[in-house]
Amino acid sequence: MHKRFFKKTTEINGFTLIELMVVIVILGILAGLIVPRIMSRPGEAKQMKARIQIESLETALKLYKLDNGFYPTTEQGLQALVEPPETGNIPKNWKSGGYLEKGKVPLDPWGNDFIYLSPGINGEYDITSYGADGVPEGEGEDKDINNWEIE
């Protein structure tokens, strides 16, 4: 005694064209609001990286001063953290291997050199990245990032 049950379906389940259009419009609106915010993040990330690099350079400069009693001069530049200077104040206790981990002075996130002044205008030394445009001053992504402004 086998009973077979057949269910006859005449209804087709799914979304109507109007429902699909509403969902597509909502997704389009959300994408229009979210994508610009996501796309602006790379600029902020580069600015944060520049701040971190400047803080790292400051740490290396402090170690240099701790070993030698003075900071490198403007002429010696940040390169004095990688190889012992041969002009100006010659460090007597320069650390073998240098003061920077990778053995070279990093470029800022936009591929430009950091600007180093010692003595500085705003402290014992100044370190500056000129931002995305690579020239002094600016706003937004082009804003200069200075060691004396980092908290």
C-alpha atoms as a PDB file:
ATOM      1  CA  MET A   1       0.000   0.000   0.000  1.00  0.00           C
ATOM      2  CA  HIS A   2       2.014   2.777  -1.295  1.00  0.00           C
ATOM      3  CA  LYS A   3       0.450   6.091  -1.484  1.00  0.00           C
ATOM      4  CA  ARG A   4       2.045   8.596  -3.681  1.00  0.00           C
ATOM      5  CA  PHE A   5       1.519  12.175  -2.946  1.00  0.00           C
ATOM      6  CA  PHE A   6       1.967  14.565  -5.760  1.00  0.00           C
ATOM      7  CA  LYS A   7       1.837  18.189  -5.055  1.00  0.00           C
ATOM      8  CA  LYS A   8       0.783  20.238  -7.943  1.00  0.00           C
ATOM      9  CA  THR A   9       2.249  23.709  -7.763  1.00  0.00           C
ATOM     10  CA  THR A  10       0.978  26.385  -9.963  1.00  0.00           C
ATOM     11  CA  GLU A  11       2.692  29.212  -8.108  1.00  0.00           C
ATOM     12  CA  ILE A  12       6.247  30.196  -8.965  1.00  0.00           C
ATOM     13  CA  ASN A  13       8.082  31.815  -6.106  1.00  0.00           C
ATOM     14  CA  GLY A  14      10.542  34.609  -6.790  1.00  0.00           C
ATOM     15  CA  PHE A  15      10.971  38.341  -6.887  1.00  0.00           C
ATOM     16  CA  THR A  16       9.056  40.617  -9.152  1.00  0.00           C
ATOM     17  CA  LEU A  17      10.827  43.018 -11.437  1.00  0.00           C
ATOM     18  CA  ILE A  18       9.782  45.947  -9.253  1.00  0.00           C
ATOM     19  CA  GLU A  19      11.216  44.315  -6.128  1.00  0.00           C
ATOM     20  CA  LEU A  20      14.521  43.709  -7.914  1.00  0.00           C
ATOM     21  CA  MET A  21      14.618  47.300  -9.157  1.00  0.00           C
ATOM     22  CA  VAL A  22      14.018  48.645  -5.623  1.00  0.00           C
ATOM     23  CA  VAL A  23      16.873  46.519  -4.250  1.00  0.00           C
ATOM     24  CA  ILE A  24      19.207  47.662  -7.049  1.00  0.00           C
ATOM     25  CA  VAL A  25      18.349  51.325  -6.392  1.00  0.00           C
ATOM     26  CA  ILE A  26      18.970  50.896  -2.646  1.00  0.00           C
ATOM     27  CA  LEU A  27      22.326  49.199  -3.319  1.00  0.00           C
ATOM     28  CA  GLY A  28      23.243  52.008  -5.710  1.00  0.00           C
ATOM     29  CA  ILE A  29      22.464  54.642  -3.089  1.00  0.00           C
ATOM     30  CA  LEU A  30      24.491  52.791  -0.449  1.00  0.00           C
ATOM     31  CA  ALA A  31      27.428  52.406  -2.840  1.00  0.00           C
ATOM     32  CA  GLY A  32      27.255  56.116  -3.627  1.00  0.00           C
ATOM     33  CA  LEU A  33      27.519  56.939   0.065  1.00  0.00           C
ATOM     34  CA  ILE A  34      30.127  54.368   1.099  1.00  0.00           C
ATOM     35  CA  VAL A  35      32.582  54.233  -1.826  1.00  0.00           C
ATOM     36  CA  PRO A  36      33.755  57.861  -1.503  1.00  0.00           C
ATOM     37  CA  ARG A  37      34.512  57.278   2.176  1.00  0.00           C
ATOM     38  CA  ILE A  38      36.508  54.148   1.444  1.00  0.00           C
ATOM     39  CA  MET A  39      38.370  55.828  -1.410  1.00  0.00           C
ATOM     40  CA  SER A  40      39.480  58.697   0.856  1.00  0.00           C
ATOM     41  CA  ARG A  41      41.190  56.331   3.293  1.00  0.00           C
ATOM     42  CA  PRO A  42      44.452  55.820   1.346  1.00  0.00           C
ATOM     43  CA  GLY A  43      45.318  59.498   1.823  1.00  0.00           C
ATOM     44  CA  GLU A  44      44.681  59.265   5.547  1.00  0.00           C
ATOM     45  CA  ALA A  45      46.708  56.054   5.741  1.00  0.00           C
ATOM     46  CA  LYS A  46      49.692  57.725   4.068  1.00  0.00           C
ATOM     47  CA  GLN A  47      49.512  60.659   6.469  1.00  0.00           C
ATOM     48  CA  MET A  48      49.450  58.262   9.418  1.00  0.00           C
ATOM     49  CA  LYS A  49      52.410  56.343   7.969  1.00  0.00           C
ATOM     50  CA  ALA A  50      54.363  59.605   7.636  1.00  0.00           C
ATOM     51  CA  ARG A  51      53.682  60.405  11.310  1.00  0.00           C
ATOM     52  CA  ILE A  52      54.872  56.950  12.349  1.00  0.00           C
ATOM     53  CA  GLN A  53      58.012  57.288  10.201  1.00  0.00           C
ATOM     54  CA  ILE A  54      58.771  60.689  11.751  1.00  0.00           C
ATOM     55  CA  GLU A  55      58.359  59.230  15.240  1.00  0.00           C
ATOM     56  CA  SER A  56      60.737  56.411  14.288  1.00  0.00           C
ATOM     57  CA  LEU A  57      63.290  58.931  12.989  1.00  0.00           C
ATOM     58  CA  GLU A  58      62.942  60.877  16.246  1.00  0.00           C
ATOM     59  CA  THR A  59      63.701  57.729  18.237  1.00  0.00           C
ATOM     60  CA  ALA A  60      66.790  57.066  16.101  1.00  0.00           C
ATOM     61  CA  LEU A  61      67.935  60.683  16.547  1.00  0.00           C
ATOM     62  CA  LYS A  62      67.540  60.422  20.321  1.00  0.00           C
ATOM     63  CA  LEU A  63      69.663  57.249  20.353  1.00  0.00           C
ATOM     64  CA  TYR A  64      72.266  59.023  18.196  1.00  0.00           C
ATOM     65  CA  LYS A  65      72.378  61.904  20.686  1.00  0.00           C
ATOM     66  CA  LEU A  66      72.527  59.510  23.631  1.00  0.00           C
ATOM     67  CA  ASP A  67      75.607  57.832  22.106  1.00  0.00           C
ATOM     68  CA  ASN A  68      77.340  60.964  20.816  1.00  0.00           C
ATOM     69  CA  GLY A  69      76.095  63.913  22.869  1.00  0.00           C
ATOM     70  CA  PHE A  70      74.649  65.862  19.927  1.00  0.00           C
ATOM     71  CA  TYR A  71      72.271  65.535  16.992  1.00  0.00           C
ATOM     72  CA  PRO A  72      73.528  65.340  13.405  1.00  0.00           C
ATOM     73  CA  THR A  73      73.762  68.748  11.741  1.00  0.00           C
ATOM     74  CA  THR A  74      71.528  69.793   8.868  1.00  0.00           C
ATOM     75  CA  GLU A  75      74.462  69.220   6.508  1.00  0.00           C
ATOM     76  CA  GLN A  76      75.009  65.693   7.834  1.00  0.00           C
ATOM     77  CA  GLY A  77      71.291  65.072   7.580  1.00  0.00           C
ATOM     78  CA  LEU A  78      69.392  61.927   8.399  1.00  0.00           C
ATOM     79  CA  GLN A  79      72.023  59.960   6.481  1.00  0.00           C
ATOM     80  CA  ALA A  80      74.121  60.255   9.670  1.00  0.00           C
ATOM     81  CA  LEU A  81      71.752  57.679  11.152  1.00  0.00           C
ATOM     82  CA  VAL A  82      72.872  55.161   8.516  1.00  0.00           C
ATOM     83  CA  GLU A  83      76.586  55.878   8.070  1.00  0.00           C
ATOM     84  CA  PRO A  84      78.997  57.849  10.240  1.00  0.00           C
ATOM     85  CA  PRO A  85      79.423  61.452   9.088  1.00  0.00           C
ATOM     86  CA  GLU A  86      82.855  62.507   7.880  1.00  0.00           C
ATOM     87  CA  THR A  87      82.336  66.277   8.176  1.00  0.00           C
ATOM     88  CA  GLY A  88      81.136  68.613  10.923  1.00  0.00           C
ATOM     89  CA  ASN A  89      80.765  67.131  14.394  1.00  0.00           C
ATOM     90  CA  ILE A  90      82.276  63.675  14.011  1.00  0.00           C
ATOM     91  CA  PRO A  91      80.539  61.197  16.335  1.00  0.00           C
ATOM     92  CA  LYS A  92      82.972  59.304  18.568  1.00  0.00           C
ATOM     93  CA  ASN A  93      80.532  56.591  19.644  1.00  0.00           C
ATOM     94  CA  TRP A  94      78.613  56.009  16.424  1.00  0.00           C
ATOM     95  CA  LYS A  95      76.731  52.711  16.737  1.00  0.00           C
ATOM     96  CA  SER A  96      77.998  49.967  14.428  1.00  0.00           C
ATOM     97  CA  GLY A  97      75.200  49.142  11.996  1.00  0.00           C
ATOM     98  CA  GLY A  98      73.596  52.554  12.358  1.00  0.00           C
ATOM     99  CA  TYR A  99      70.429  53.720  14.021  1.00  0.00           C
ATOM    100  CA  LEU A 100      67.811  52.704  11.466  1.00  0.00           C
ATOM    101  CA  GLU A 101      66.607  49.113  11.163  1.00  0.00           C
ATOM    102  CA  LYS A 102      66.744  48.701   7.402  1.00  0.00           C
ATOM    103  CA  GLY A 103      70.082  50.440   7.006  1.00  0.00           C
ATOM    104  CA  LYS A 104      68.700  53.301   4.923  1.00  0.00           C
ATOM    105  CA  VAL A 105      66.811  56.529   5.450  1.00  0.00           C
ATOM    106  CA  PRO A 106      63.166  55.937   4.500  1.00  0.00           C
ATOM    107  CA  LEU A 107      61.323  58.086   2.009  1.00  0.00           C
ATOM    108  CA  ASP A 108      57.993  59.516   3.050  1.00  0.00           C
ATOM    109  CA  PRO A 109      54.877  57.638   1.848  1.00  0.00           C
ATOM    110  CA  TRP A 110      54.782  59.775  -1.305  1.00  0.00           C
ATOM    111  CA  GLY A 111      58.371  58.896  -2.279  1.00  0.00           C
ATOM    112  CA  ASN A 112      59.993  62.158  -1.152  1.00  0.00           C
ATOM    113  CA  ASP A 113      62.863  62.766   1.263  1.00  0.00           C
ATOM    114  CA  PHE A 114      62.067  63.955   4.763  1.00  0.00           C
ATOM    115  CA  ILE A 115      63.341  67.479   5.467  1.00  0.00           C
ATOM    116  CA  TYR A 116      65.712  67.628   8.454  1.00  0.00           C
ATOM    117  CA  LEU A 117      66.989  70.777  10.177  1.00  0.00           C
ATOM    118  CA  SER A 118      69.313  70.830  13.180  1.00  0.00           C
ATOM    119  CA  PRO A 119      69.206  73.072  15.015  1.00  0.00           C
ATOM    120  CA  GLY A 120      65.552  73.350  14.176  1.00  0.00           C
ATOM    121  CA  ILE A 121      63.261  76.346  14.144  1.00  0.00           C
ATOM    122  CA  ASN A 122      60.718  74.643  16.421  1.00  0.00           C
ATOM    123  CA  GLY A 123      63.045  72.580  18.619  1.00  0.00           C
ATOM    124  CA  GLU A 124      66.468  70.967  18.715  1.00  0.00           C
ATOM    125  CA  TYR A 125      65.657  69.521  15.299  1.00  0.00           C
ATOM    126  CA  ASP A 126      62.786  69.650  12.820  1.00  0.00           C
ATOM    127  CA  ILE A 127      61.609  66.772  10.629  1.00  0.00           C
ATOM    128  CA  THR A 128      59.037  67.488   7.930  1.00  0.00           C
ATOM    129  CA  SER A 129      57.237  65.647   5.162  1.00  0.00           C
ATOM    130  CA  TYR A 130      55.759  68.024   2.603  1.00  0.00           C
ATOM    131  CA  GLY A 131      52.761  65.724   2.030  1.00  0.00           C
ATOM    132  CA  ALA A 132      51.332  64.402  -1.216  1.00  0.00           C
ATOM    133  CA  ASP A 133      52.348  67.371  -3.371  1.00  0.00           C
ATOM    134  CA  GLY A 134      55.965  67.402  -2.120  1.00  0.00           C
ATOM    135  CA  VAL A 135      56.055  71.185  -1.685  1.00  0.00           C
ATOM    136  CA  PRO A 136      55.869  73.307   1.485  1.00  0.00           C
ATOM    137  CA  GLU A 137      52.470  74.060   2.974  1.00  0.00           C
ATOM    138  CA  GLY A 138      49.171  72.840   1.648  1.00  0.00           C
ATOM    139  CA  GLU A 139      45.864  71.479   2.861  1.00  0.00           C
ATOM    140  CA  GLY A 140      44.237  68.074   2.994  1.00  0.00           C
ATOM    141  CA  GLU A 141      46.559  65.405   1.584  1.00  0.00           C
ATOM    142  CA  ASP A 142      49.079  68.114   0.673  1.00  0.00           C
ATOM    143  CA  LYS A 143      49.379  69.295   4.291  1.00  0.00           C
ATOM    144  CA  ASP A 144      52.893  69.223   5.725  1.00  0.00           C
ATOM    145  CA  ILE A 145      53.506  66.724   8.517  1.00  0.00           C
ATOM    146  CA  ASN A 146      55.930  68.072  11.129  1.00  0.00           C
ATOM    147  CA  ASN A 147      57.493  66.392  14.152  1.00  0.00           C
ATOM    148  CA  TRP A 148      56.614  69.301  16.456  1.00  0.00           C
ATOM    149  CA  GLU A 149      52.906  68.885  15.628  1.00  0.00           C
ATOM    150  CA  ILE A 150      52.739  65.158  16.385  1.00  0.00           C
ATOM    151  CA  GLU A 151      51.319  64.385  19.821  1.00  0.00           C
END
